[in-house]
N, C-alpha and C. Protein backbone atom coordinates (compact mmCIF):
# COMPACT_ATOMS: atom_id res chain seq x y z
N UNK A 1 108.76 99.34 108.72
CA UNK A 1 107.12 98.94 109.04
C UNK A 1 107.18 99.98 107.33
N UNK A 2 107.40 101.57 107.18
CA UNK A 2 107.13 101.76 106.37
C UNK A 2 107.43 101.50 104.32
N UNK A 3 109.07 100.97 104.75
CA UNK A 3 109.44 100.20 103.76
C UNK A 3 108.34 99.28 102.93
N UNK A 4 108.23 98.22 104.03
CA UNK A 4 106.95 97.21 103.47
C UNK A 4 105.82 97.78 103.07
N UNK A 5 105.53 98.72 103.54
CA UNK A 5 104.06 99.06 102.89
C UNK A 5 104.68 99.48 101.88
N UNK A 6 105.50 100.51 101.57
CA UNK A 6 105.99 101.09 100.10
C UNK A 6 106.17 99.72 99.29
N UNK A 7 106.63 98.69 99.84
CA UNK A 7 106.70 97.71 98.87
C UNK A 7 105.85 96.94 98.33
N UNK A 8 104.61 96.42 99.56
CA UNK A 8 103.54 96.50 99.22
C UNK A 8 102.27 97.05 98.17
N UNK A 9 102.44 98.63 98.53
CA UNK A 9 101.86 98.90 97.53
C UNK A 9 102.63 99.09 96.20
N UNK A 10 103.49 99.33 95.88
CA UNK A 10 103.89 98.99 94.75
C UNK A 10 103.96 97.28 94.23
N UNK A 11 103.94 96.75 94.82
CA UNK A 11 103.72 94.65 93.67
C UNK A 11 101.95 95.05 93.75
N UNK A 12 101.38 95.98 94.29
CA UNK A 12 99.79 96.10 93.77
C UNK A 12 99.41 96.59 92.70
N UNK A 13 100.27 98.21 92.62
CA UNK A 13 99.91 99.06 91.26
C UNK A 13 100.67 98.10 90.33
N UNK A 14 101.55 97.16 90.37
CA UNK A 14 102.34 96.93 89.58
C UNK A 14 101.03 95.76 88.71
N UNK A 15 100.48 94.90 89.94
CA UNK A 15 98.86 93.66 89.30
C UNK A 15 98.32 94.43 89.06
N UNK A 16 98.05 95.72 89.62
CA UNK A 16 96.41 96.50 88.81
C UNK A 16 97.61 97.06 87.19
N UNK A 17 98.33 97.65 86.76
CA UNK A 17 99.12 97.92 86.09
C UNK A 17 98.83 96.21 84.67
N UNK A 18 99.51 95.72 85.42
CA UNK A 18 98.78 93.78 84.33
C UNK A 18 97.45 93.39 84.26
N UNK A 19 96.63 93.85 84.91
CA UNK A 19 95.20 93.62 84.93
C UNK A 19 94.25 94.30 83.41
N UNK A 20 95.60 94.83 82.81
CA UNK A 20 94.66 95.43 81.70
C UNK A 20 95.61 95.12 80.71
N UNK A 21 95.73 95.27 79.03
CA UNK A 21 96.33 95.35 78.27
C UNK A 21 96.75 96.47 77.38
N UNK A 22 97.75 96.06 76.18
CA UNK A 22 98.09 97.68 75.88
C UNK A 22 96.88 98.55 75.80
N UNK A 23 96.36 98.53 75.65
CA UNK A 23 94.95 99.66 74.82
C UNK A 23 94.03 99.69 75.81
N UNK A 24 94.61 99.59 77.47
CA UNK A 24 93.90 100.00 78.43
C UNK A 24 92.70 98.99 79.12
N UNK A 25 92.33 97.84 78.25
CA UNK A 25 91.35 97.12 78.03
C UNK A 25 91.14 96.34 79.75
N UNK A 26 90.62 96.53 79.95
CA UNK A 26 90.50 95.19 81.26
C UNK A 26 90.28 93.51 80.93
N UNK A 27 91.68 93.11 81.76
CA UNK A 27 91.61 91.15 81.31
C UNK A 27 90.83 90.54 82.40
N UNK A 28 89.91 90.84 83.07
CA UNK A 28 89.14 90.31 83.86
C UNK A 28 89.65 90.80 85.38
N UNK A 29 90.05 91.24 85.97
CA UNK A 29 90.39 91.33 87.36
C UNK A 29 90.79 92.89 87.89
N UNK A 30 90.67 93.63 86.98
CA UNK A 30 90.78 95.07 86.78
C UNK A 30 89.99 95.49 87.95
N UNK A 31 88.47 95.69 88.54
CA UNK A 31 88.34 96.06 89.45
C UNK A 31 88.57 95.47 90.92
N UNK A 32 88.97 93.83 90.80
CA UNK A 32 89.73 93.11 92.51
C UNK A 32 90.98 93.97 92.22
N UNK A 33 91.70 93.94 91.47
CA UNK A 33 93.42 94.91 91.41
C UNK A 33 93.13 95.85 92.04
N UNK A 34 92.24 96.71 91.77
CA UNK A 34 92.32 98.51 91.95
C UNK A 34 92.09 98.01 93.19
N UNK A 35 91.02 97.27 93.79
CA UNK A 35 90.71 97.54 95.44
C UNK A 35 91.64 97.03 96.13
N UNK A 36 92.59 96.31 95.89
CA UNK A 36 93.70 95.59 96.58
C UNK A 36 94.80 97.25 96.32
N UNK A 37 95.09 97.32 95.21
CA UNK A 37 95.60 98.79 95.18
C UNK A 37 95.76 99.62 96.70
N UNK A 38 94.14 99.91 95.95
CA UNK A 38 93.43 101.21 96.91
C UNK A 38 93.83 100.50 98.71
N UNK A 39 93.39 99.51 98.81
CA UNK A 39 93.60 99.15 100.31
C UNK A 39 95.32 99.11 100.69
N UNK A 40 96.16 99.11 99.80
CA UNK A 40 97.69 98.99 100.47
C UNK A 40 98.15 100.73 100.14
N UNK A 41 97.12 101.48 99.59
CA UNK A 41 97.57 102.90 99.51
C UNK A 41 97.33 103.35 100.58
N UNK A 42 95.70 103.33 101.33
CA UNK A 42 95.28 103.65 101.86
C UNK A 42 95.97 103.44 103.73
N UNK A 43 96.60 101.82 103.41
CA UNK A 43 97.41 101.15 104.67
C UNK A 43 98.80 102.20 104.86
N UNK A 44 99.20 103.18 103.76
CA UNK A 44 100.61 103.34 103.76
C UNK A 44 100.55 104.50 104.45
N UNK A 45 99.28 105.30 103.43
CA UNK A 45 98.97 106.51 103.78
C UNK A 45 98.54 106.83 105.53
N UNK A 46 97.99 106.14 105.78
CA UNK A 46 97.80 106.10 106.98
C UNK A 46 98.66 105.46 108.18
N UNK A 47 99.61 104.85 108.31
CA UNK A 47 100.35 104.02 108.99
C UNK A 47 101.35 104.83 109.61
N UNK A 48 101.75 105.29 110.90
CA UNK A 48 102.48 105.91 112.02
C UNK A 48 103.85 106.02 111.14
N UNK A 49 104.56 106.86 111.10
CA UNK A 49 105.98 106.68 111.27
C UNK A 49 106.43 106.55 112.15
N UNK A 50 107.62 105.83 112.35
CA UNK A 50 108.31 105.48 113.62
C UNK A 50 109.81 106.36 113.96
N UNK A 51 109.67 106.96 113.07
CA UNK A 51 111.41 108.03 113.48
C UNK A 51 111.19 108.44 111.50
N UNK A 52 112.38 109.91 111.66
CA UNK A 52 112.20 110.78 110.60
C UNK A 52 112.89 109.67 109.64
N UNK A 53 113.34 108.66 109.17
CA UNK A 53 113.54 108.27 107.91
C UNK A 53 112.75 107.50 107.32
N UNK A 54 111.50 106.66 108.23
CA UNK A 54 110.66 106.69 107.98
C UNK A 54 109.89 107.79 107.03
N UNK A 55 109.49 108.73 108.15
CA UNK A 55 108.41 109.85 107.43
C UNK A 55 109.63 110.64 106.15
N UNK A 56 110.84 110.29 106.04
CA UNK A 56 111.17 110.83 104.65
C UNK A 56 111.02 109.87 103.29
N UNK A 57 110.92 108.16 103.68
CA UNK A 57 111.28 107.46 102.87
C UNK A 57 109.07 107.81 102.26
N UNK A 58 108.51 108.12 103.16
CA UNK A 58 107.32 107.73 102.92
C UNK A 58 106.80 109.19 101.92
N UNK A 59 107.33 110.19 102.13
CA UNK A 59 107.21 111.15 101.88
C UNK A 59 108.00 111.33 100.28
N UNK A 60 108.74 110.89 100.49
CA UNK A 60 109.35 110.48 98.83
C UNK A 60 108.76 109.95 98.12
N UNK A 61 108.07 108.86 98.67
CA UNK A 61 107.32 107.66 97.83
C UNK A 61 106.10 108.47 97.34
N UNK A 62 105.23 108.84 98.03
CA UNK A 62 104.25 110.13 98.00
C UNK A 62 104.36 110.77 96.83
N UNK A 63 105.45 111.76 96.88
CA UNK A 63 106.23 112.83 96.06
C UNK A 63 105.96 111.75 94.56
N UNK A 64 107.24 111.13 94.64
CA UNK A 64 107.71 110.77 93.15
C UNK A 64 107.70 109.19 93.15
N UNK A 65 106.77 108.18 93.24
CA UNK A 65 106.71 106.65 93.11
C UNK A 65 105.24 106.81 92.87
N UNK A 66 105.76 105.95 91.04
CA UNK A 66 104.19 106.11 90.79
C UNK A 66 105.09 104.53 89.53
N UNK A 67 103.76 104.07 89.30
CA UNK A 67 104.59 103.14 88.00
C UNK A 67 103.75 103.73 86.57
N UNK A 68 104.63 103.18 85.34
CA UNK A 68 103.69 103.70 84.28
C UNK A 68 103.33 105.08 84.41
N UNK A 69 102.84 105.31 83.25
CA UNK A 69 102.32 106.65 83.19
C UNK A 69 100.24 106.33 84.19
N UNK A 70 100.67 107.35 84.85
CA UNK A 70 99.99 107.02 86.17
C UNK A 70 99.62 108.62 86.74
N UNK A 71 98.22 108.78 87.36
CA UNK A 71 98.52 109.66 88.37
C UNK A 71 99.68 109.65 89.43
N UNK A 72 99.72 110.76 89.53
CA UNK A 72 100.92 110.72 90.86
C UNK A 72 100.47 110.41 91.90
N UNK A 73 100.90 110.25 93.09
CA UNK A 73 100.31 109.38 94.28
C UNK A 73 100.18 111.05 95.04
N UNK A 74 100.85 111.62 95.05
CA UNK A 74 100.16 113.25 95.57
C UNK A 74 98.70 113.37 95.14
N UNK A 75 98.55 112.99 93.69
CA UNK A 75 96.90 113.14 93.07
C UNK A 75 96.41 112.46 94.04
N UNK A 76 96.59 110.92 94.05
CA UNK A 76 95.90 109.88 94.38
C UNK A 76 95.50 110.45 96.12
N UNK A 77 96.30 110.82 96.91
CA UNK A 77 95.73 111.26 98.43
C UNK A 77 94.54 112.04 98.06
N UNK A 78 94.97 113.56 97.47
CA UNK A 78 93.39 114.47 97.40
C UNK A 78 92.88 113.45 96.60
N UNK A 79 92.83 112.71 95.32
CA UNK A 79 91.13 112.03 94.71
C UNK A 79 90.61 111.24 96.15
N UNK A 80 91.82 109.88 96.87
CA UNK A 80 90.52 109.30 97.48
C UNK A 80 90.16 110.06 98.72
N UNK A 81 90.58 111.49 99.41
CA UNK A 81 90.23 111.85 100.35
C UNK A 81 88.48 112.81 99.86
N UNK A 82 88.69 112.55 98.26
CA UNK A 82 87.12 113.42 98.02
C UNK A 82 86.44 111.47 97.61
N UNK A 83 86.87 110.41 97.86
CA UNK A 83 86.22 109.49 97.93
C UNK A 83 86.19 108.70 99.41
N UNK A 84 86.71 109.47 100.21
CA UNK A 84 86.84 108.35 101.40
C UNK A 84 86.03 108.78 102.45
N UNK A 85 85.40 108.16 103.35
CA UNK A 85 84.72 108.34 104.17
C UNK A 85 85.23 109.32 105.00
N UNK A 86 86.58 109.58 105.48
CA UNK A 86 87.46 110.14 105.84
C UNK A 86 88.00 111.34 104.82
N UNK A 87 86.99 112.42 105.02
CA UNK A 87 87.77 113.44 103.96
C UNK A 87 88.87 114.20 103.79
N UNK A 88 89.33 113.87 105.38
CA UNK A 88 90.58 114.57 105.45
C UNK A 88 91.92 113.76 105.93
N UNK A 89 91.85 113.06 104.32
CA UNK A 89 93.05 111.93 104.33
C UNK A 89 94.64 112.38 104.39
N UNK A 90 94.34 113.53 103.78
CA UNK A 90 95.79 113.92 103.17
C UNK A 90 95.92 114.42 104.68
N UNK A 91 95.15 115.00 105.98
CA UNK A 91 95.80 115.47 106.59
C UNK A 91 96.08 114.35 107.74
N UNK A 92 95.36 113.42 107.90
CA UNK A 92 95.54 111.94 108.55
C UNK A 92 97.40 111.51 107.64
N UNK A 93 97.53 111.94 106.38
CA UNK A 93 98.64 111.63 106.10
C UNK A 93 99.93 112.45 106.90
N UNK A 94 99.32 113.39 106.77
CA UNK A 94 100.72 114.56 107.34
C UNK A 94 101.14 114.25 108.75
N UNK A 95 100.04 113.87 109.66
CA UNK A 95 100.05 113.18 111.27
C UNK A 95 100.76 112.59 111.11
N UNK A 96 100.65 111.18 110.19
CA UNK A 96 101.15 110.09 110.28
C UNK A 96 102.79 110.53 110.38
N UNK A 97 103.05 111.43 109.70
CA UNK A 97 104.43 112.01 109.37
C UNK A 97 105.46 111.91 110.53
N UNK A 98 104.30 112.65 111.31
CA UNK A 98 104.83 113.17 112.51
C UNK A 98 104.64 112.78 114.06
N UNK A 99 104.07 111.07 114.04
CA UNK A 99 103.67 110.34 114.94
C UNK A 99 104.71 110.36 116.08
N UNK A 100 106.24 110.34 115.36
CA UNK A 100 106.97 109.71 116.22
C UNK A 100 107.76 110.84 116.90
N UNK A 101 107.02 111.84 116.85
CA UNK A 101 107.45 112.84 117.90
C UNK A 101 106.80 113.24 118.67
N UNK A 102 105.04 112.18 119.22
CA UNK A 102 104.50 112.39 119.99
C UNK A 102 105.50 111.29 121.46
């Protein structure tokens, strides 16, 4: 499940990147592709891991997964927490990593 969510997010990031030209100008779909990317990121962050391998894959992607010259996903985790209704998004992320232990 986590692997599929990682791939969904990665695809959403690539689609969002493609919605801008080389100078960073929106080609018309930027706001929509960003919404899709943000939903995919949130789904990944909140998804409970089923085992240690999923937890490790999720941590690895959040720490090192990015496309192009972008804000790191770890930074996004904290940035989205400030914008989200759930100000503790990063805490929910941490809880999702150990859900399989319960």
